[in-house]
């Protein structure tokens, strides 16, 4: 019985450590300090990272056209402005959906 316990406890602790390390894959660990205007034009969306159990820093994660993600500091002015611009773009209806169709003459 004692031999089983000596095998089981180290195995369980290794499993717990392995599972805990996996949770850090989706967290930002540092910030991008600046995005030039050309790069900002390619941002299509963003999401927020809160400081909870597995993530240590708050961040705004900008998602680019091709799926690339950039972590930024949510307290920076340029980050807040870019978030506002993205929200405004999402709120506007697209030009193609508001265009009236002409009736076909025939």
PDB file of N, CA and C in Angstrom:
ATOM      1  N   UNK A   1       0.817  -1.200   0.000  1.00  0.00           N
ATOM      2  CA  UNK A   1       0.000   0.000   0.000  1.00  0.00           C
ATOM      3  C   UNK A   1       0.862   1.267   0.000  1.00  0.00           C
ATOM      4  N   UNK A   2       1.918   1.258   0.807  1.00  0.00           N
ATOM      5  CA  UNK A   2       2.788   2.409   0.892  1.00  0.00           C
ATOM      6  C   UNK A   2       3.509   2.646  -0.438  1.00  0.00           C
ATOM      7  N   UNK A   3       3.837   1.602  -1.158  1.00  0.00           N
ATOM      8  CA  UNK A   3       4.494   1.722  -2.455  1.00  0.00           C
ATOM      9  C   UNK A   3       3.565   2.389  -3.472  1.00  0.00           C
ATOM     10  N   UNK A   4       2.287   2.040  -3.433  1.00  0.00           N
ATOM     11  CA  UNK A   4       1.308   2.663  -4.330  1.00  0.00           C
ATOM     12  C   UNK A   4       1.189   4.163  -4.060  1.00  0.00           C
ATOM     13  N   UNK A   5       1.180   4.545  -2.808  1.00  0.00           N
ATOM     14  CA  UNK A   5       1.073   5.950  -2.434  1.00  0.00           C
ATOM     15  C   UNK A   5       2.305   6.726  -2.899  1.00  0.00           C
ATOM     16  N   UNK A   6       3.472   6.130  -2.754  1.00  0.00           N
ATOM     17  CA  UNK A   6       4.704   6.791  -3.178  1.00  0.00           C
ATOM     18  C   UNK A   6       4.745   6.972  -4.697  1.00  0.00           C
ATOM     19  N   UNK A   7       4.086   6.112  -5.434  1.00  0.00           N
ATOM     20  CA  UNK A   7       4.020   6.254  -6.884  1.00  0.00           C
ATOM     21  C   UNK A   7       2.913   7.228  -7.296  1.00  0.00           C
ATOM     22  N   UNK A   8       1.790   7.164  -6.606  1.00  0.00           N
ATOM     23  CA  UNK A   8       0.610   7.951  -6.968  1.00  0.00           C
ATOM     24  C   UNK A   8       0.796   9.451  -6.714  1.00  0.00           C
ATOM     25  N   UNK A   9       1.337   9.845  -5.596  1.00  0.00           N
ATOM     26  CA  UNK A   9       1.489  11.260  -5.249  1.00  0.00           C
ATOM     27  C   UNK A   9       2.418  12.013  -6.209  1.00  0.00           C
ATOM     28  N   UNK A  10       3.603  11.518  -6.522  1.00  0.00           N
ATOM     29  CA  UNK A  10       4.440  12.237  -7.505  1.00  0.00           C
ATOM     30  C   UNK A  10       3.800  12.305  -8.894  1.00  0.00           C
ATOM     31  N   UNK A  11       3.114  11.236  -9.283  1.00  0.00           N
ATOM     32  CA  UNK A  11       2.443  11.242 -10.586  1.00  0.00           C
ATOM     33  C   UNK A  11       1.351  12.300 -10.625  1.00  0.00           C
ATOM     34  N   UNK A  12       0.586  12.400  -9.569  1.00  0.00           N
ATOM     35  CA  UNK A  12      -0.493  13.388  -9.487  1.00  0.00           C
ATOM     36  C   UNK A  12       0.065  14.810  -9.481  1.00  0.00           C
ATOM     37  N   UNK A  13       1.144  15.048  -8.773  1.00  0.00           N
ATOM     38  CA  UNK A  13       1.712  16.397  -8.729  1.00  0.00           C
ATOM     39  C   UNK A  13       2.281  16.799 -10.103  1.00  0.00           C
ATOM     40  N   UNK A  14       2.877  15.866 -10.833  1.00  0.00           N
ATOM     41  CA  UNK A  14       3.373  16.163 -12.187  1.00  0.00           C
ATOM     42  C   UNK A  14       2.216  16.495 -13.122  1.00  0.00           C
ATOM     43  N   UNK A  15       1.122  15.788 -12.993  1.00  0.00           N
ATOM     44  CA  UNK A  15      -0.046  16.045 -13.820  1.00  0.00           C
ATOM     45  C   UNK A  15      -0.620  17.426 -13.536  1.00  0.00           C
ATOM     46  N   UNK A  16      -0.704  17.802 -12.279  1.00  0.00           N
ATOM     47  CA  UNK A  16      -1.225  19.127 -11.905  1.00  0.00           C
ATOM     48  C   UNK A  16      -0.338  20.241 -12.450  1.00  0.00           C
ATOM     49  N   UNK A  17       0.968  20.077 -12.358  1.00  0.00           N
ATOM     50  CA  UNK A  17       1.888  21.093 -12.887  1.00  0.00           C
ATOM     51  C   UNK A  17       1.769  21.216 -14.404  1.00  0.00           C
ATOM     52  N   UNK A  18       1.612  20.116 -15.085  1.00  0.00           N
ATOM     53  CA  UNK A  18       1.478  20.147 -16.542  1.00  0.00           C
ATOM     54  C   UNK A  18       0.193  20.856 -16.949  1.00  0.00           C
ATOM     55  N   UNK A  19      -0.895  20.602 -16.264  1.00  0.00           N
ATOM     56  CA  UNK A  19      -2.166  21.248 -16.588  1.00  0.00           C
ATOM     57  C   UNK A  19      -2.135  22.736 -16.273  1.00  0.00           C
ATOM     58  N   UNK A  20      -1.462  23.135 -15.229  1.00  0.00           N
ATOM     59  CA  UNK A  20      -1.382  24.541 -14.856  1.00  0.00           C
ATOM     60  C   UNK A  20      -0.576  25.330 -15.884  1.00  0.00           C
ATOM     61  N   UNK A  21       0.437  24.754 -16.465  1.00  0.00           N
ATOM     62  CA  UNK A  21       1.259  25.453 -17.439  1.00  0.00           C
ATOM     63  C   UNK A  21       0.528  25.662 -18.751  1.00  0.00           C
ATOM     64  N   UNK A  22      -0.398  24.811 -19.097  1.00  0.00           N
ATOM     65  CA  UNK A  22      -1.144  24.940 -20.344  1.00  0.00           C
ATOM     66  C   UNK A  22      -2.007  26.193 -20.339  1.00  0.00           C
ATOM     67  N   UNK A  23      -2.498  26.618 -19.185  1.00  0.00           N
ATOM     68  CA  UNK A  23      -3.407  27.756 -19.120  1.00  0.00           C
ATOM     69  C   UNK A  23      -2.737  29.077 -19.486  1.00  0.00           C
ATOM     70  N   UNK A  24      -1.409  29.156 -19.504  1.00  0.00           N
ATOM     71  CA  UNK A  24      -0.714  30.395 -19.828  1.00  0.00           C
ATOM     72  C   UNK A  24      -0.573  30.624 -21.334  1.00  0.00           C
ATOM     73  N   UNK A  25      -0.938  29.667 -22.149  1.00  0.00           N
ATOM     74  CA  UNK A  25      -0.753  29.795 -23.591  1.00  0.00           C
ATOM     75  C   UNK A  25      -1.526  30.966 -24.187  1.00  0.00           C
ATOM     76  N   UNK A  26      -2.699  31.290 -23.656  1.00  0.00           N
ATOM     77  CA  UNK A  26      -3.538  32.327 -24.229  1.00  0.00           C
ATOM     78  C   UNK A  26      -3.382  33.684 -23.540  1.00  0.00           C
ATOM     79  N   UNK A  27      -2.431  33.815 -22.666  1.00  0.00           N
ATOM     80  CA  UNK A  27      -2.253  35.052 -21.908  1.00  0.00           C
ATOM     81  C   UNK A  27      -1.142  35.914 -22.498  1.00  0.00           C
ATOM     82  N   UNK A  28      -1.358  37.226 -22.414  1.00  0.00           N
ATOM     83  CA  UNK A  28      -0.310  38.176 -22.788  1.00  0.00           C
ATOM     84  C   UNK A  28       0.687  38.269 -21.645  1.00  0.00           C
ATOM     85  N   UNK A  29       1.944  38.247 -21.981  1.00  0.00           N
ATOM     86  CA  UNK A  29       2.988  38.364 -20.972  1.00  0.00           C
ATOM     87  C   UNK A  29       3.703  39.710 -21.041  1.00  0.00           C
ATOM     88  N   UNK A  30       3.547  40.414 -22.164  1.00  0.00           N
ATOM     89  CA  UNK A  30       4.142  41.745 -22.328  1.00  0.00           C
ATOM     90  C   UNK A  30       3.344  42.515 -23.374  1.00  0.00           C
ATOM     91  N   UNK A  31       3.604  43.820 -23.457  1.00  0.00           N
ATOM     92  CA  UNK A  31       2.854  44.702 -24.337  1.00  0.00           C
ATOM     93  C   UNK A  31       3.656  45.125 -25.567  1.00  0.00           C
ATOM     94  N   UNK A  32       2.937  45.368 -26.665  1.00  0.00           N
ATOM     95  CA  UNK A  32       3.482  46.083 -27.805  1.00  0.00           C
ATOM     96  C   UNK A  32       3.333  47.555 -27.444  1.00  0.00           C
ATOM     97  N   UNK A  33       4.388  48.336 -27.588  1.00  0.00           N
ATOM     98  CA  UNK A  33       4.335  49.723 -27.112  1.00  0.00           C
ATOM     99  C   UNK A  33       3.739  50.698 -28.111  1.00  0.00           C
ATOM    100  N   UNK A  34       3.780  50.363 -29.412  1.00  0.00           N
ATOM    101  CA  UNK A  34       3.266  51.291 -30.419  1.00  0.00           C
ATOM    102  C   UNK A  34       2.929  50.539 -31.703  1.00  0.00           C
ATOM    103  N   UNK A  35       1.869  50.986 -32.368  1.00  0.00           N
ATOM    104  CA  UNK A  35       1.522  50.486 -33.703  1.00  0.00           C
ATOM    105  C   UNK A  35       1.449  51.686 -34.635  1.00  0.00           C
ATOM    106  N   UNK A  36       2.145  51.641 -35.759  1.00  0.00           N
ATOM    107  CA  UNK A  36       2.065  52.765 -36.691  1.00  0.00           C
ATOM    108  C   UNK A  36       0.699  52.753 -37.396  1.00  0.00           C
ATOM    109  N   UNK A  37       0.378  53.834 -38.079  1.00  0.00           N
ATOM    110  CA  UNK A  37      -0.948  53.973 -38.696  1.00  0.00           C
ATOM    111  C   UNK A  37      -1.225  52.896 -39.737  1.00  0.00           C
ATOM    112  N   UNK A  38      -0.209  52.503 -40.475  1.00  0.00           N
ATOM    113  CA  UNK A  38      -0.381  51.452 -41.471  1.00  0.00           C
ATOM    114  C   UNK A  38      -0.829  50.145 -40.811  1.00  0.00           C
ATOM    115  N   UNK A  39      -0.198  49.815 -39.718  1.00  0.00           N
ATOM    116  CA  UNK A  39      -0.532  48.587 -39.002  1.00  0.00           C
ATOM    117  C   UNK A  39      -1.903  48.704 -38.347  1.00  0.00           C
ATOM    118  N   UNK A  40      -2.231  49.883 -37.808  1.00  0.00           N
ATOM    119  CA  UNK A  40      -3.529  50.073 -37.161  1.00  0.00           C
ATOM    120  C   UNK A  40      -4.690  49.871 -38.126  1.00  0.00           C
ATOM    121  N   UNK A  41      -4.466  50.149 -39.411  1.00  0.00           N
ATOM    122  CA  UNK A  41      -5.523  49.971 -40.410  1.00  0.00           C
ATOM    123  C   UNK A  41      -5.888  48.502 -40.612  1.00  0.00           C
ATOM    124  N   UNK A  42      -4.989  47.601 -40.252  1.00  0.00           N
ATOM    125  CA  UNK A  42      -5.228  46.171 -40.430  1.00  0.00           C
ATOM    126  C   UNK A  42      -5.901  45.518 -39.217  1.00  0.00           C
ATOM    127  N   UNK A  43      -6.156  46.294 -38.173  1.00  0.00           N
ATOM    128  CA  UNK A  43      -6.830  45.750 -36.994  1.00  0.00           C
ATOM    129  C   UNK A  43      -8.321  45.635 -37.285  1.00  0.00           C
ATOM    130  N   UNK A  44      -8.886  44.443 -37.058  1.00  0.00           N
ATOM    131  CA  UNK A  44     -10.304  44.230 -37.344  1.00  0.00           C
ATOM    132  C   UNK A  44     -11.147  44.045 -36.080  1.00  0.00           C
ATOM    133  N   UNK A  45     -10.517  43.666 -34.985  1.00  0.00           N
ATOM    134  CA  UNK A  45     -11.274  43.430 -33.752  1.00  0.00           C
ATOM    135  C   UNK A  45     -10.320  43.489 -32.560  1.00  0.00           C
ATOM    136  N   UNK A  46     -10.892  43.413 -31.375  1.00  0.00           N
ATOM    137  CA  UNK A  46     -10.084  43.355 -30.162  1.00  0.00           C
ATOM    138  C   UNK A  46     -10.847  42.602 -29.093  1.00  0.00           C
ATOM    139  N   UNK A  47     -10.113  42.158 -28.081  1.00  0.00           N
ATOM    140  CA  UNK A  47     -10.732  41.558 -26.895  1.00  0.00           C
ATOM    141  C   UNK A  47      -9.903  41.968 -25.691  1.00  0.00           C
ATOM    142  N   UNK A  48     -10.519  41.886 -24.545  1.00  0.00           N
ATOM    143  CA  UNK A  48      -9.841  42.283 -23.306  1.00  0.00           C
ATOM    144  C   UNK A  48      -9.353  41.054 -22.552  1.00  0.00           C
ATOM    145  N   UNK A  49      -8.194  41.203 -21.933  1.00  0.00           N
ATOM    146  CA  UNK A  49      -7.665  40.184 -21.036  1.00  0.00           C
ATOM    147  C   UNK A  49      -7.685  40.760 -19.635  1.00  0.00           C
ATOM    148  N   UNK A  50      -8.382  40.113 -18.750  1.00  0.00           N
ATOM    149  CA  UNK A  50      -8.450  40.567 -17.362  1.00  0.00           C
ATOM    150  C   UNK A  50      -7.423  39.793 -16.529  1.00  0.00           C
ATOM    151  N   UNK A  51      -7.057  40.356 -15.396  1.00  0.00           N
ATOM    152  CA  UNK A  51      -6.128  39.659 -14.504  1.00  0.00           C
ATOM    153  C   UNK A  51      -6.941  38.717 -13.631  1.00  0.00           C
ATOM    154  N   UNK A  52      -7.014  37.489 -14.058  1.00  0.00           N
ATOM    155  CA  UNK A  52      -7.685  36.470 -13.260  1.00  0.00           C
ATOM    156  C   UNK A  52      -6.705  35.323 -13.082  1.00  0.00           C
ATOM    157  N   UNK A  53      -7.122  34.267 -12.495  1.00  0.00           N
ATOM    158  CA  UNK A  53      -6.280  33.135 -12.123  1.00  0.00           C
ATOM    159  C   UNK A  53      -5.038  32.888 -12.948  1.00  0.00           C
ATOM    160  N   UNK A  54      -5.149  32.803 -14.268  1.00  0.00           N
ATOM    161  CA  UNK A  54      -3.992  32.393 -15.058  1.00  0.00           C
ATOM    162  C   UNK A  54      -3.265  33.553 -15.737  1.00  0.00           C
ATOM    163  N   UNK A  55      -3.896  34.695 -15.915  1.00  0.00           N
ATOM    164  CA  UNK A  55      -3.278  35.825 -16.607  1.00  0.00           C
ATOM    165  C   UNK A  55      -2.860  36.895 -15.606  1.00  0.00           C
ATOM    166  N   UNK A  56      -1.604  37.323 -15.708  1.00  0.00           N
ATOM    167  CA  UNK A  56      -1.043  38.228 -14.702  1.00  0.00           C
ATOM    168  C   UNK A  56      -1.194  39.713 -15.009  1.00  0.00           C
ATOM    169  N   UNK A  57      -1.397  40.083 -16.266  1.00  0.00           N
ATOM    170  CA  UNK A  57      -1.483  41.503 -16.609  1.00  0.00           C
ATOM    171  C   UNK A  57      -2.775  41.777 -17.379  1.00  0.00           C
ATOM    172  N   UNK A  58      -3.380  42.954 -17.157  1.00  0.00           N
ATOM    173  CA  UNK A  58      -4.523  43.330 -17.987  1.00  0.00           C
ATOM    174  C   UNK A  58      -4.009  43.728 -19.367  1.00  0.00           C
ATOM    175  N   UNK A  59      -4.778  43.419 -20.399  1.00  0.00           N
ATOM    176  CA  UNK A  59      -4.331  43.747 -21.748  1.00  0.00           C
ATOM    177  C   UNK A  59      -5.523  43.893 -22.679  1.00  0.00           C
ATOM    178  N   UNK A  60      -5.292  44.627 -23.764  1.00  0.00           N
ATOM    179  CA  UNK A  60      -6.221  44.657 -24.884  1.00  0.00           C
ATOM    180  C   UNK A  60      -5.497  43.935 -26.011  1.00  0.00           C
ATOM    181  N   UNK A  61      -6.129  42.906 -26.550  1.00  0.00           N
ATOM    182  CA  UNK A  61      -5.519  42.107 -27.602  1.00  0.00           C
ATOM    183  C   UNK A  61      -6.174  42.491 -28.919  1.00  0.00           C
ATOM    184  N   UNK A  62      -5.395  43.114 -29.792  1.00  0.00           N
ATOM    185  CA  UNK A  62      -5.892  43.506 -31.106  1.00  0.00           C
ATOM    186  C   UNK A  62      -5.719  42.342 -32.068  1.00  0.00           C
ATOM    187  N   UNK A  63      -6.759  42.082 -32.851  1.00  0.00           N
ATOM    188  CA  UNK A  63      -6.746  40.989 -33.811  1.00  0.00           C
ATOM    189  C   UNK A  63      -6.633  41.592 -35.210  1.00  0.00           C
ATOM    190  N   UNK A  64      -5.623  41.165 -35.935  1.00  0.00           N
ATOM    191  CA  UNK A  64      -5.341  41.685 -37.267  1.00  0.00           C
ATOM    192  C   UNK A  64      -6.124  40.908 -38.323  1.00  0.00           C
ATOM    193  N   UNK A  65      -6.140  41.410 -39.558  1.00  0.00           N
ATOM    194  CA  UNK A  65      -6.872  40.776 -40.663  1.00  0.00           C
ATOM    195  C   UNK A  65      -6.489  39.321 -40.867  1.00  0.00           C
ATOM    196  N   UNK A  66      -5.226  39.009 -40.764  1.00  0.00           N
ATOM    197  CA  UNK A  66      -4.763  37.641 -41.013  1.00  0.00           C
ATOM    198  C   UNK A  66      -4.740  36.779 -39.755  1.00  0.00           C
ATOM    199  N   UNK A  67      -5.328  37.272 -38.657  1.00  0.00           N
ATOM    200  CA  UNK A  67      -5.429  36.476 -37.444  1.00  0.00           C
ATOM    201  C   UNK A  67      -4.342  36.699 -36.414  1.00  0.00           C
ATOM    202  N   UNK A  68      -3.349  37.488 -36.738  1.00  0.00           N
ATOM    203  CA  UNK A  68      -2.272  37.783 -35.787  1.00  0.00           C
ATOM    204  C   UNK A  68      -2.839  38.573 -34.620  1.00  0.00           C
ATOM    205  N   UNK A  69      -2.315  38.332 -33.421  1.00  0.00           N
ATOM    206  CA  UNK A  69      -2.788  39.022 -32.224  1.00  0.00           C
ATOM    207  C   UNK A  69      -1.654  39.802 -31.590  1.00  0.00           C
ATOM    208  N   UNK A  70      -1.968  41.046 -31.187  1.00  0.00           N
ATOM    209  CA  UNK A  70      -0.978  41.916 -30.559  1.00  0.00           C
ATOM    210  C   UNK A  70      -1.503  42.381 -29.206  1.00  0.00           C
ATOM    211  N   UNK A  71      -0.706  42.203 -28.181  1.00  0.00           N
ATOM    212  CA  UNK A  71      -1.084  42.585 -26.823  1.00  0.00           C
ATOM    213  C   UNK A  71      -0.651  44.024 -26.551  1.00  0.00           C
ATOM    214  N   UNK A  72      -1.575  44.818 -26.000  1.00  0.00           N
ATOM    215  CA  UNK A  72      -1.279  46.224 -25.719  1.00  0.00           C
ATOM    216  C   UNK A  72      -1.759  46.598 -24.322  1.00  0.00           C
ATOM    217  N   UNK A  73      -1.210  47.689 -23.825  1.00  0.00           N
ATOM    218  CA  UNK A  73      -1.565  48.196 -22.505  1.00  0.00           C
ATOM    219  C   UNK A  73      -2.897  48.953 -22.587  1.00  0.00           C
ATOM    220  N   UNK A  74      -3.930  48.522 -21.871  1.00  0.00           N
ATOM    221  CA  UNK A  74      -5.241  49.177 -21.962  1.00  0.00           C
ATOM    222  C   UNK A  74      -5.268  50.600 -21.414  1.00  0.00           C
ATOM    223  N   UNK A  75      -4.234  51.017 -20.701  1.00  0.00           N
ATOM    224  CA  UNK A  75      -4.204  52.368 -20.129  1.00  0.00           C
ATOM    225  C   UNK A  75      -3.623  53.416 -21.089  1.00  0.00           C
ATOM    226  N   UNK A  76      -3.033  52.973 -22.185  1.00  0.00           N
ATOM    227  CA  UNK A  76      -2.420  53.910 -23.140  1.00  0.00           C
ATOM    228  C   UNK A  76      -3.494  54.610 -23.964  1.00  0.00           C
ATOM    229  N   UNK A  77      -3.279  55.896 -24.249  1.00  0.00           N
ATOM    230  CA  UNK A  77      -4.261  56.690 -25.007  1.00  0.00           C
ATOM    231  C   UNK A  77      -4.488  56.142 -26.414  1.00  0.00           C
ATOM    232  N   UNK A  78      -3.425  55.766 -27.115  1.00  0.00           N
ATOM    233  CA  UNK A  78      -3.583  55.288 -28.483  1.00  0.00           C
ATOM    234  C   UNK A  78      -4.374  53.986 -28.536  1.00  0.00           C
ATOM    235  N   UNK A  79      -4.271  53.177 -27.489  1.00  0.00           N
ATOM    236  CA  UNK A  79      -5.030  51.923 -27.421  1.00  0.00           C
ATOM    237  C   UNK A  79      -6.517  52.233 -27.269  1.00  0.00           C
ATOM    238  N   UNK A  80      -6.835  53.173 -26.381  1.00  0.00           N
ATOM    239  CA  UNK A  80      -8.244  53.552 -26.178  1.00  0.00           C
ATOM    240  C   UNK A  80      -8.850  54.155 -27.446  1.00  0.00           C
ATOM    241  N   UNK A  81      -8.062  54.980 -28.155  1.00  0.00           N
ATOM    242  CA  UNK A  81      -8.556  55.580 -29.401  1.00  0.00           C
ATOM    243  C   UNK A  81      -8.808  54.515 -30.467  1.00  0.00           C
ATOM    244  N   UNK A  82      -7.898  53.563 -30.581  1.00  0.00           N
ATOM    245  CA  UNK A  82      -8.057  52.505 -31.577  1.00  0.00           C
ATOM    246  C   UNK A  82      -9.266  51.622 -31.251  1.00  0.00           C
ATOM    247  N   UNK A  83      -9.479  51.344 -29.985  1.00  0.00           N
ATOM    248  CA  UNK A  83     -10.659  50.569 -29.584  1.00  0.00           C
ATOM    249  C   UNK A  83     -11.942  51.322 -29.957  1.00  0.00           C
ATOM    250  N   UNK A  84     -11.944  52.623 -29.718  1.00  0.00           N
ATOM    251  CA  UNK A  84     -13.107  53.451 -30.054  1.00  0.00           C
ATOM    252  C   UNK A  84     -13.366  53.440 -31.559  1.00  0.00           C
ATOM    253  N   UNK A  85     -12.299  53.546 -32.360  1.00  0.00           N
ATOM    254  CA  UNK A  85     -12.431  53.506 -33.818  1.00  0.00           C
ATOM    255  C   UNK A  85     -13.004  52.173 -34.289  1.00  0.00           C
ATOM    256  N   UNK A  86     -12.551  51.093 -33.708  1.00  0.00           N
ATOM    257  CA  UNK A  86     -13.058  49.772 -34.088  1.00  0.00           C
ATOM    258  C   UNK A  86     -14.536  49.648 -33.735  1.00  0.00           C
ATOM    259  N   UNK A  87     -14.906  50.139 -32.552  1.00  0.00           N
ATOM    260  CA  UNK A  87     -16.320  50.100 -32.146  1.00  0.00           C
ATOM    261  C   UNK A  87     -17.198  50.905 -33.096  1.00  0.00           C
ATOM    262  N   UNK A  88     -16.695  52.063 -33.538  1.00  0.00           N
ATOM    263  CA  UNK A  88     -17.456  52.897 -34.472  1.00  0.00           C
ATOM    264  C   UNK A  88     -17.606  52.213 -35.825  1.00  0.00           C
ATOM    265  N   UNK A  89     -16.559  51.553 -36.290  1.00  0.00           N
ATOM    266  CA  UNK A  89     -16.634  50.840 -37.570  1.00  0.00           C
ATOM    267  C   UNK A  89     -17.662  49.712 -37.496  1.00  0.00           C
ATOM    268  N   UNK A  90     -17.713  49.036 -36.368  1.00  0.00           N
ATOM    269  CA  UNK A  90     -18.671  47.942 -36.203  1.00  0.00           C
ATOM    270  C   UNK A  90     -20.106  48.450 -36.140  1.00  0.00           C
ATOM    271  N   UNK A  91     -20.297  49.651 -35.603  1.00  0.00           N
ATOM    272  CA  UNK A  91     -21.642  50.202 -35.443  1.00  0.00           C
ATOM    273  C   UNK A  91     -22.225  50.695 -36.762  1.00  0.00           C
ATOM    274  N   UNK A  92     -21.368  51.102 -37.707  1.00  0.00           N
ATOM    275  CA  UNK A  92     -21.840  51.605 -39.003  1.00  0.00           C
ATOM    276  C   UNK A  92     -22.321  50.452 -39.874  1.00  0.00           C
ATOM    277  N   UNK A  93     -23.468  50.635 -40.536  1.00  0.00           N
ATOM    278  CA  UNK A  93     -23.884  49.604 -41.496  1.00  0.00           C
ATOM    279  C   UNK A  93     -23.000  49.679 -42.734  1.00  0.00           C
ATOM    280  N   UNK A  94     -22.798  48.559 -43.373  1.00  0.00           N
ATOM    281  CA  UNK A  94     -21.936  48.565 -44.562  1.00  0.00           C
ATOM    282  C   UNK A  94     -22.619  49.277 -45.714  1.00  0.00           C
ATOM    283  N   UNK A  95     -21.833  49.842 -46.628  1.00  0.00           N
ATOM    284  CA  UNK A  95     -22.365  50.615 -47.753  1.00  0.00           C
ATOM    285  C   UNK A  95     -23.160  49.734 -48.706  1.00  0.00           C
ATOM    286  N   UNK A  96     -22.761  48.492 -48.860  1.00  0.00           N
ATOM    287  CA  UNK A  96     -23.447  47.619 -49.811  1.00  0.00           C
ATOM    288  C   UNK A  96     -24.839  47.244 -49.327  1.00  0.00           C
ATOM    289  N   UNK A  97     -25.043  47.172 -48.030  1.00  0.00           N
ATOM    290  CA  UNK A  97     -26.360  46.778 -47.528  1.00  0.00           C
ATOM    291  C   UNK A  97     -27.348  47.939 -47.533  1.00  0.00           C
ATOM    292  N   UNK A  98     -26.857  49.183 -47.551  1.00  0.00           N
ATOM    293  CA  UNK A  98     -27.760  50.332 -47.541  1.00  0.00           C
ATOM    294  C   UNK A  98     -28.089  50.840 -48.935  1.00  0.00           C
ATOM    295  N   UNK A  99     -27.394  50.339 -49.926  1.00  0.00           N
ATOM    296  CA  UNK A  99     -27.614  50.778 -51.294  1.00  0.00           C
ATOM    297  C   UNK A  99     -28.948  50.230 -51.815  1.00  0.00           C
ATOM    298  N   UNK A 100     -29.756  51.102 -52.422  1.00  0.00           N
ATOM    299  CA  UNK A 100     -31.034  50.677 -52.968  1.00  0.00           C
ATOM    300  C   UNK A 100     -30.819  50.066 -54.346  1.00  0.00           C
ATOM    301  N   UNK A 101     -31.556  49.013 -54.608  1.00  0.00           N
ATOM    302  CA  UNK A 101     -31.452  48.371 -55.921  1.00  0.00           C
ATOM    303  C   UNK A 101     -32.454  48.995 -56.885  1.00  0.00           C
ATOM    304  N   UNK A 102     -32.012  49.129 -58.096  1.00  0.00           N
ATOM    305  CA  UNK A 102     -32.902  49.647 -59.136  1.00  0.00           C
ATOM    306  C   UNK A 102     -33.745  48.494 -59.684  1.00  0.00           C
ATOM    307  N   UNK A 103     -34.980  48.773 -59.948  1.00  0.00           N
ATOM    308  CA  UNK A 103     -35.801  47.692 -60.526  1.00  0.00           C
ATOM    309  C   UNK A 103     -35.338  47.385 -61.945  1.00  0.00           C
ATOM    310  N   UNK A 104     -35.412  46.128 -62.295  1.00  0.00           N
ATOM    311  CA  UNK A 104     -34.992  45.715 -63.630  1.00  0.00           C
ATOM    312  C   UNK A 104     -36.019  46.179 -64.650  1.00  0.00           C
ATOM    313  N   UNK A 105     -35.542  46.722 -65.723  1.00  0.00           N
ATOM    314  CA  UNK A 105     -36.468  47.123 -66.798  1.00  0.00           C
ATOM    315  C   UNK A 105     -36.405  46.053 -67.863  1.00  0.00           C
ATOM    316  N   UNK A 106     -37.510  45.683 -68.339  1.00  0.00           N
ATOM    317  CA  UNK A 106     -37.413  44.630 -69.295  1.00  0.00           C
ATOM    318  C   UNK A 106     -38.604  44.426 -70.045  1.00  0.00           C
TER     319      UNK A 106
END
